[in-house]
Protein backbone atom coordinates (compact mmCIF):
# COMPACT_ATOMS: atom_id res chain seq x y z
CA MET A 1 178.68 104.22 84.25
CA ILE A 2 175.12 103.26 85.51
CA GLY A 3 176.46 101.30 88.74
CA VAL A 4 178.68 104.15 89.68
CA THR A 5 176.27 106.47 89.58
CA VAL A 6 173.49 104.34 91.85
CA VAL A 7 176.48 103.57 94.06
CA LEU A 8 177.39 107.03 94.70
CA MET A 9 173.62 108.20 95.05
CA LEU A 10 173.39 105.47 97.59
CA VAL A 11 176.57 106.55 99.53
CA CYS A 12 176.25 110.47 99.28
CA GLY A 13 172.34 110.66 99.24
CA LEU A 14 171.35 108.29 101.85
CA LEU A 15 174.40 106.51 103.86
CA PHE A 16 176.42 109.71 104.81
CA PRO A 17 173.15 111.84 105.65
CA CYS A 18 172.07 109.12 107.76
CA LEU A 19 175.15 108.80 109.22
CA LEU A 20 175.21 112.52 109.75
CA THR A 21 171.89 113.00 111.47
CA GLY A 22 172.63 109.78 113.73
CA LEU A 23 175.64 111.33 115.28
CA SER A 24 174.64 114.55 115.59
CA THR A 25 171.07 113.13 117.80
CA LEU A 26 173.32 111.52 119.63
CA ILE A 27 175.93 113.97 120.77
CA PHE A 28 173.70 117.20 120.24
CA PRO A 29 170.39 115.89 120.72
CA ARG A 30 169.05 119.63 121.37
CA GLN A 31 170.37 120.88 118.70
CA ALA A 32 169.38 118.08 116.17
CA GLY A 33 166.27 118.66 117.31
CA GLY A 34 165.66 122.28 116.64
CA ASN A 35 166.38 123.73 119.99
CA LEU A 36 163.02 123.54 120.96
CA ILE A 37 161.83 125.84 124.09
CA THR A 38 159.27 123.71 125.88
CA VAL A 39 157.43 125.16 128.94
CA ASP A 40 155.37 123.39 131.41
CA GLY A 41 155.66 120.17 128.86
CA LYS A 42 154.38 122.67 125.88
CA THR A 43 156.84 123.86 122.99
CA LEU A 44 156.63 127.65 122.19
CA GLY A 45 159.02 127.86 119.78
CA ALA A 46 162.77 127.25 118.76
CA GLU A 47 165.32 129.32 120.44
CA TYR A 48 166.87 130.29 116.57
CA VAL A 49 163.42 130.96 114.69
CA GLY A 50 162.11 134.51 115.52
CA GLN A 51 158.23 135.08 115.86
CA GLU A 52 155.79 138.12 115.21
CA PHE A 53 154.66 139.93 118.44
CA THR A 54 153.00 142.58 118.51
CA GLU A 55 151.25 143.04 121.80
CA ASP A 56 152.54 146.17 123.64
CA TYR A 57 153.51 144.16 126.60
CA TYR A 58 155.88 141.96 124.36
CA LEU A 59 159.41 142.58 123.20
CA TRP A 60 158.84 143.12 119.46
CA SER A 61 160.93 141.50 116.79
CA ARG A 62 162.37 143.11 113.50
CA PRO A 63 160.41 143.44 110.32
CA SER A 64 159.96 140.60 108.50
CA ALA A 65 158.98 139.71 104.64
CA TYR A 66 157.17 136.54 105.93
CA HIS A 67 155.81 137.89 109.63
CA TYR A 68 157.32 134.88 110.65
CA ASN A 69 154.80 132.60 109.04
CA VAL A 70 152.39 133.70 111.95
CA TYR A 71 149.15 133.64 110.53
CA VAL A 72 145.46 133.40 111.35
CA GLU A 73 142.21 131.73 109.61
CA GLY A 74 139.74 133.81 108.04
CA GLU A 75 136.10 133.53 107.91
CA ASP A 76 136.40 132.71 104.21
CA GLY A 77 138.83 129.47 105.41
CA LYS A 78 141.56 131.33 104.22
CA GLN A 79 145.09 131.82 105.86
CA TYR A 80 146.18 135.39 106.41
CA TYR A 81 149.32 137.27 108.25
CA ASN A 82 148.03 139.79 110.94
CA ASP A 83 148.06 142.29 108.67
CA GLY A 84 145.65 141.37 106.33
CA THR A 85 147.67 139.97 103.29
CA GLU A 86 147.24 136.56 102.40
CA PHE A 87 149.78 133.93 103.94
CA PRO A 88 151.64 132.21 100.81
CA GLY A 89 152.73 128.94 103.13
CA ILE A 90 155.81 128.37 105.21
CA GLY A 91 159.04 130.30 103.81
CA SER A 92 161.92 132.40 104.95
CA GLY A 93 163.96 134.98 103.25
CA SER A 94 163.32 139.19 102.69
CA ASN A 95 162.38 141.62 99.43
CA ASN A 96 165.94 142.05 98.74
CA TYR A 97 164.67 145.72 97.95
CA ALA A 98 167.32 147.74 96.45
CA PRO A 99 168.12 151.04 98.85
CA THR A 100 166.62 153.21 96.11
CA ASN A 101 163.24 151.22 96.13
CA PRO A 102 160.18 153.08 96.60
CA ALA A 103 158.36 149.87 98.21
CA LEU A 104 161.22 149.99 100.86
CA THR A 105 161.34 153.45 101.81
CA GLU A 106 157.34 153.35 101.78
CA ARG A 107 157.28 150.11 104.02
CA VAL A 108 160.54 151.78 106.50
CA GLU A 109 157.87 154.57 106.96
CA VAL A 110 154.74 152.75 107.79
CA ASP A 111 157.05 150.73 110.44
CA ILE A 112 158.56 154.09 111.59
CA GLU A 113 154.78 155.74 112.35
CA ALA A 114 153.53 152.44 113.91
CA PHE A 115 156.78 152.17 116.44
CA LEU A 116 156.54 155.71 117.27
CA ALA A 117 152.58 155.67 117.96
CA LYS A 118 153.18 152.54 120.55
CA ASN A 119 156.13 154.33 121.96
CA PRO A 120 155.58 158.27 122.26
CA THR A 121 158.46 158.91 124.22
CA VAL A 122 161.02 157.81 121.21
CA LYS A 123 162.10 160.08 119.15
CA ARG A 124 162.05 159.20 115.37
CA GLU A 125 166.10 159.65 114.99
CA ASP A 126 166.37 157.44 118.00
CA ILE A 127 165.16 154.35 116.73
CA PRO A 128 167.49 151.42 116.27
CA THR A 129 168.21 150.50 112.90
CA ASP A 130 167.09 146.99 113.46
CA LEU A 131 164.15 147.48 114.47
CA LEU A 132 163.62 148.66 110.58
CA THR A 133 165.41 146.43 109.01
CA ALA A 134 164.72 142.87 107.82
CA SER A 135 166.84 139.96 108.35
CA GLY A 136 168.36 138.03 105.17
CA SER A 137 165.95 135.13 106.42
CA GLY A 138 163.13 137.10 107.47
CA LEU A 139 163.18 134.71 111.01
CA ASP A 140 166.07 136.60 112.65
CA PRO A 141 165.35 135.75 116.48
CA HIS A 142 167.52 138.63 117.47
CA ILE A 143 167.73 142.05 118.22
CA SER A 144 170.25 144.34 119.57
CA PRO A 145 170.33 145.40 123.21
CA ALA A 146 169.80 149.06 121.84
CA SER A 147 166.64 148.04 119.88
CA ALA A 148 165.32 146.03 123.55
CA GLU A 149 166.14 148.83 125.89
CA ILE A 150 164.00 151.38 123.34
CA GLN A 151 160.88 148.97 124.13
CA ILE A 152 160.99 149.10 127.97
CA PRO A 153 158.79 152.06 128.79
CA ARG A 154 156.38 150.41 126.65
CA ILE A 155 156.45 147.02 128.26
CA VAL A 156 156.57 148.59 131.54
CA LYS A 157 152.77 150.59 130.72
CA ALA A 158 151.41 147.40 129.08
CA SER A 159 152.70 144.81 131.37
CA GLY A 160 151.95 146.15 134.77
CA LEU A 161 155.94 144.79 135.33
CA THR A 162 158.60 146.92 136.79
CA GLU A 163 161.01 148.27 135.10
CA GLU A 164 163.75 146.75 136.93
CA GLU A 165 162.01 143.67 136.05
CA ILE A 166 162.31 144.06 132.52
CA LYS A 167 165.32 145.09 132.74
CA ASP A 168 166.64 142.02 134.61
CA ILE A 169 164.70 140.08 131.69
CA VAL A 170 166.36 141.63 128.60
CA ALA A 171 169.97 141.12 130.41
CA GLU A 172 169.35 137.25 131.21
CA ASN A 173 168.54 136.76 128.23
CA THR A 174 171.40 138.86 126.29
CA GLN A 175 174.25 137.14 124.59
CA GLY A 176 177.75 138.53 124.09
CA LYS A 177 179.94 138.56 121.64
CA VAL A 178 181.28 134.76 120.45
CA LEU A 179 184.50 134.64 122.66
CA GLY A 180 184.21 138.05 123.42
CA ILE A 181 184.95 139.54 119.77
CA PHE A 182 183.05 137.96 116.87
CA GLY A 183 180.06 139.39 116.24
CA GLU A 184 177.72 141.60 118.31
CA GLU A 185 175.47 141.73 121.76
CA THR A 186 172.53 140.26 120.68
CA VAL A 187 168.88 139.83 122.83
CA ASN A 188 166.54 136.69 121.96
CA VAL A 189 162.93 138.33 121.75
CA LEU A 190 161.35 134.77 122.27
CA LYS A 191 163.04 134.06 125.73
CA VAL A 192 162.46 137.50 126.88
CA ASN A 193 158.70 137.45 125.97
CA ILE A 194 158.19 133.89 127.11
CA GLU A 195 159.39 135.17 130.82
CA ILE A 196 157.70 138.28 130.85
CA ALA A 197 154.35 136.09 130.20
CA GLN A 198 155.24 134.13 133.07
CA ARG A 199 155.65 136.76 135.25
CA MET A 200 152.48 138.45 133.76
CA GLY A 201 150.89 134.74 134.96
CA ILE A 202 149.50 134.36 131.23
CA GLN A 203 152.02 131.55 130.11
């Protein structure tokens, strides 16, 4: 019995994972490496892992309970999220609040007010749902085309780029439905912001 357990542990826990890792690295090297995005030799992120952006000239991501793991070092040596709350360490997930949870209502209201303050031409009822809802992972790199479009006036004003330039950048980084029928169109926030930074000369 012990011998069978040891053999299965080696086959299933070591040999099989090593085989799959080796094959994936050989056949799909970019995917196996995390779909990293590199510009001028510098890795800026992963294509399928979102990042938190707060500058007015960038496209904003969806809310994240983990702030996309973006943190700063405080004067006390501790690490904090951009909103001042303490960074507990790398993680993913969501708060899983029920629709009736007062904490969810409070968080959404805060996000609405913050969005309207930075996007004064937008009406409250016109804010797309995905800009107010977090993904299951809290690391979703995509937003809907509607969520990207509604931010364009703010980005144009803050970046100095033209509306046409921003729309072209968004269009270039919009992915259609899988096979034309599955899922929804999505915009990759990180890739859009990399191009905006390059056009502004800050990347």
